[in-house]
């Protein structure tokens, strides 16, 4: 994959994740605000469950932004599109599906990575 295509894929991935992160952060704030409002709550554990889920989503999205950062670093270093484990080329189709991929599908399966 050429560098310009890779750069564009990573740029679009960053935008997508930042939009999701903004939505998740706002939803978390809304859930916390609603939990603090007076009124009848039929299940006092529900707000805590939602807050925990919101926090998990935000943490995963932050991890994805870090993965974009790392992929951009590999691009600048000239190693983007190659496995960080073996140095084997990662197919363009895989990089288009996940521009942050750092392992081949086979290597990811060996590691037990379910997010192929």
C-alpha atoms as a PDB file:
ATOM      1  CA  UNK A   1       0.000   0.000   0.000  1.00  0.00           C
ATOM      2  CA  UNK A   2       1.377   3.410  -0.861  1.00  0.00           C
ATOM      3  CA  UNK A   3       2.018   5.957   1.892  1.00  0.00           C
ATOM      4  CA  UNK A   4      -0.621   8.447   0.705  1.00  0.00           C
ATOM      5  CA  UNK A   5      -3.360   5.802   0.812  1.00  0.00           C
ATOM      6  CA  UNK A   6      -2.209   4.626   4.232  1.00  0.00           C
ATOM      7  CA  UNK A   7      -2.114   8.205   5.538  1.00  0.00           C
ATOM      8  CA  UNK A   8      -5.665   8.817   4.291  1.00  0.00           C
ATOM      9  CA  UNK A   9      -6.978   5.579   5.803  1.00  0.00           C
ATOM     10  CA  UNK A  10      -5.426   6.476   9.149  1.00  0.00           C
ATOM     11  CA  UNK A  11      -6.783  10.029   8.966  1.00  0.00           C
ATOM     12  CA  UNK A  12     -10.310   8.739   8.315  1.00  0.00           C
ATOM     13  CA  UNK A  13      -9.974   6.135  11.086  1.00  0.00           C
ATOM     14  CA  UNK A  14      -8.900   8.835  13.544  1.00  0.00           C
ATOM     15  CA  UNK A  15     -11.897  11.003  12.598  1.00  0.00           C
ATOM     16  CA  UNK A  16     -14.287   8.051  12.958  1.00  0.00           C
ATOM     17  CA  UNK A  17     -12.899   7.131  16.382  1.00  0.00           C
ATOM     18  CA  UNK A  18     -12.900  10.738  17.612  1.00  0.00           C
ATOM     19  CA  UNK A  19     -16.563  11.074  16.610  1.00  0.00           C
ATOM     20  CA  UNK A  20     -17.423   7.862  18.447  1.00  0.00           C
ATOM     21  CA  UNK A  21     -15.399   9.017  21.439  1.00  0.00           C
ATOM     22  CA  UNK A  22     -17.237  12.340  21.506  1.00  0.00           C
ATOM     23  CA  UNK A  23     -20.583  10.556  21.344  1.00  0.00           C
ATOM     24  CA  UNK A  24     -19.603   8.081  24.058  1.00  0.00           C
ATOM     25  CA  UNK A  25     -18.281  10.828  26.315  1.00  0.00           C
ATOM     26  CA  UNK A  26     -21.484  12.827  25.900  1.00  0.00           C
ATOM     27  CA  UNK A  27     -23.617   9.746  26.517  1.00  0.00           C
ATOM     28  CA  UNK A  28     -21.625   9.000  29.670  1.00  0.00           C
ATOM     29  CA  UNK A  29     -22.114  12.554  30.898  1.00  0.00           C
ATOM     30  CA  UNK A  30     -25.837  12.308  30.159  1.00  0.00           C
ATOM     31  CA  UNK A  31     -26.081   8.995  32.056  1.00  0.00           C
ATOM     32  CA  UNK A  32     -24.269  10.457  35.058  1.00  0.00           C
ATOM     33  CA  UNK A  33     -26.460  13.536  35.001  1.00  0.00           C
ATOM     34  CA  UNK A  34     -29.629  11.454  34.821  1.00  0.00           C
ATOM     35  CA  UNK A  35     -28.443   9.284  37.702  1.00  0.00           C
ATOM     36  CA  UNK A  36     -28.084  12.356  39.895  1.00  0.00           C
ATOM     37  CA  UNK A  37     -31.574  13.699  39.226  1.00  0.00           C
ATOM     38  CA  UNK A  38     -34.165  13.269  41.946  1.00  0.00           C
ATOM     39  CA  UNK A  39     -37.009  10.892  41.353  1.00  0.00           C
ATOM     40  CA  UNK A  40     -38.086   7.309  41.621  1.00  0.00           C
ATOM     41  CA  UNK A  41     -35.468   4.863  40.486  1.00  0.00           C
ATOM     42  CA  UNK A  42     -36.710   1.342  40.053  1.00  0.00           C
ATOM     43  CA  UNK A  43     -33.180  -0.091  40.012  1.00  0.00           C
ATOM     44  CA  UNK A  44     -30.450   1.811  41.798  1.00  0.00           C
ATOM     45  CA  UNK A  45     -27.755  -0.374  40.195  1.00  0.00           C
ATOM     46  CA  UNK A  46     -28.780   0.572  36.652  1.00  0.00           C
ATOM     47  CA  UNK A  47     -26.950   3.922  36.567  1.00  0.00           C
ATOM     48  CA  UNK A  48     -23.786   2.293  37.905  1.00  0.00           C
ATOM     49  CA  UNK A  49     -23.978  -0.374  35.207  1.00  0.00           C
ATOM     50  CA  UNK A  50     -24.419   2.222  32.500  1.00  0.00           C
ATOM     51  CA  UNK A  51     -21.517   4.290  33.853  1.00  0.00           C
ATOM     52  CA  UNK A  52     -19.273   1.231  33.832  1.00  0.00           C
ATOM     53  CA  UNK A  53     -20.273   0.386  30.264  1.00  0.00           C
ATOM     54  CA  UNK A  54     -19.734   4.001  29.181  1.00  0.00           C
ATOM     55  CA  UNK A  55     -16.288   4.007  30.785  1.00  0.00           C
ATOM     56  CA  UNK A  56     -15.388   0.739  29.037  1.00  0.00           C
ATOM     57  CA  UNK A  57     -16.417   2.100  25.637  1.00  0.00           C
ATOM     58  CA  UNK A  58     -14.399   5.286  26.193  1.00  0.00           C
ATOM     59  CA  UNK A  59     -11.339   3.268  27.277  1.00  0.00           C
ATOM     60  CA  UNK A  60     -11.557   1.057  24.174  1.00  0.00           C
ATOM     61  CA  UNK A  61     -11.881   4.090  21.891  1.00  0.00           C
ATOM     62  CA  UNK A  62      -8.858   5.695  23.551  1.00  0.00           C
ATOM     63  CA  UNK A  63      -6.957   2.455  22.943  1.00  0.00           C
ATOM     64  CA  UNK A  64      -7.956   2.652  19.269  1.00  0.00           C
ATOM     65  CA  UNK A  65      -6.663   6.231  19.009  1.00  0.00           C
ATOM     66  CA  UNK A  66      -3.369   5.043  20.497  1.00  0.00           C
ATOM     67  CA  UNK A  67      -3.308   2.298  17.839  1.00  0.00           C
ATOM     68  CA  UNK A  68      -3.741   4.965  15.131  1.00  0.00           C
ATOM     69  CA  UNK A  69      -0.853   6.925  16.689  1.00  0.00           C
ATOM     70  CA  UNK A  70       1.335   3.813  16.599  1.00  0.00           C
ATOM     71  CA  UNK A  71       0.368   3.064  12.986  1.00  0.00           C
ATOM     72  CA  UNK A  72       1.275   6.635  12.005  1.00  0.00           C
ATOM     73  CA  UNK A  73       4.645   6.177  13.715  1.00  0.00           C
ATOM     74  CA  UNK A  74       5.218   2.973  11.722  1.00  0.00           C
ATOM     75  CA  UNK A  75       4.273   4.830   8.557  1.00  0.00           C
ATOM     76  CA  UNK A  76       6.849   7.541   9.271  1.00  0.00           C
ATOM     77  CA  UNK A  77       9.465   4.902  10.126  1.00  0.00           C
ATOM     78  CA  UNK A  78       8.797   3.064   6.872  1.00  0.00           C
ATOM     79  CA  UNK A  79       7.525  -0.104   8.554  1.00  0.00           C
ATOM     80  CA  UNK A  80       3.771   0.411   8.060  1.00  0.00           C
ATOM     81  CA  UNK A  81       2.147  -2.549   6.322  1.00  0.00           C
ATOM     82  CA  UNK A  82       4.610  -5.026   7.787  1.00  0.00           C
ATOM     83  CA  UNK A  83       4.002  -7.235  10.790  1.00  0.00           C
ATOM     84  CA  UNK A  84       5.594  -5.921  13.971  1.00  0.00           C
ATOM     85  CA  UNK A  85       6.199  -9.553  14.929  1.00  0.00           C
ATOM     86  CA  UNK A  86       7.666 -11.121  11.793  1.00  0.00           C
ATOM     87  CA  UNK A  87       8.168  -8.294   9.319  1.00  0.00           C
ATOM     88  CA  UNK A  88       5.945 -10.114   6.813  1.00  0.00           C
ATOM     89  CA  UNK A  89       3.754  -7.916   4.609  1.00  0.00           C
ATOM     90  CA  UNK A  90       0.200  -7.331   5.805  1.00  0.00           C
ATOM     91  CA  UNK A  91      -2.191  -7.587   2.824  1.00  0.00           C
ATOM     92  CA  UNK A  92      -3.713  -4.317   1.615  1.00  0.00           C
ATOM     93  CA  UNK A  93      -7.233  -5.723   2.089  1.00  0.00           C
ATOM     94  CA  UNK A  94      -6.491  -6.229   5.792  1.00  0.00           C
ATOM     95  CA  UNK A  95      -5.075  -2.713   6.103  1.00  0.00           C
ATOM     96  CA  UNK A  96      -8.134  -1.271   4.375  1.00  0.00           C
ATOM     97  CA  UNK A  97     -10.371  -3.144   6.835  1.00  0.00           C
ATOM     98  CA  UNK A  98      -8.205  -2.124   9.811  1.00  0.00           C
ATOM     99  CA  UNK A  99      -5.602   0.533   9.052  1.00  0.00           C
ATOM    100  CA  UNK A 100      -4.040  -0.037  12.485  1.00  0.00           C
ATOM    101  CA  UNK A 101      -3.359  -3.754  11.889  1.00  0.00           C
ATOM    102  CA  UNK A 102       0.103  -4.665  13.060  1.00  0.00           C
ATOM    103  CA  UNK A 103      -0.012  -8.448  12.571  1.00  0.00           C
ATOM    104  CA  UNK A 104      -0.972 -10.705   9.693  1.00  0.00           C
ATOM    105  CA  UNK A 105      -4.236 -12.593  10.168  1.00  0.00           C
ATOM    106  CA  UNK A 106      -2.334 -15.796  10.832  1.00  0.00           C
ATOM    107  CA  UNK A 107      -0.181 -14.164  13.511  1.00  0.00           C
ATOM    108  CA  UNK A 108      -3.197 -12.541  15.133  1.00  0.00           C
ATOM    109  CA  UNK A 109      -4.913 -15.922  15.314  1.00  0.00           C
ATOM    110  CA  UNK A 110      -1.837 -17.440  16.957  1.00  0.00           C
ATOM    111  CA  UNK A 111      -1.827 -14.672  19.542  1.00  0.00           C
ATOM    112  CA  UNK A 112      -5.541 -15.237  20.130  1.00  0.00           C
ATOM    113  CA  UNK A 113      -6.505 -11.773  18.943  1.00  0.00           C
ATOM    114  CA  UNK A 114     -10.223 -11.910  18.256  1.00  0.00           C
ATOM    115  CA  UNK A 115     -10.377  -8.438  16.684  1.00  0.00           C
ATOM    116  CA  UNK A 116      -9.117  -9.389  13.258  1.00  0.00           C
END
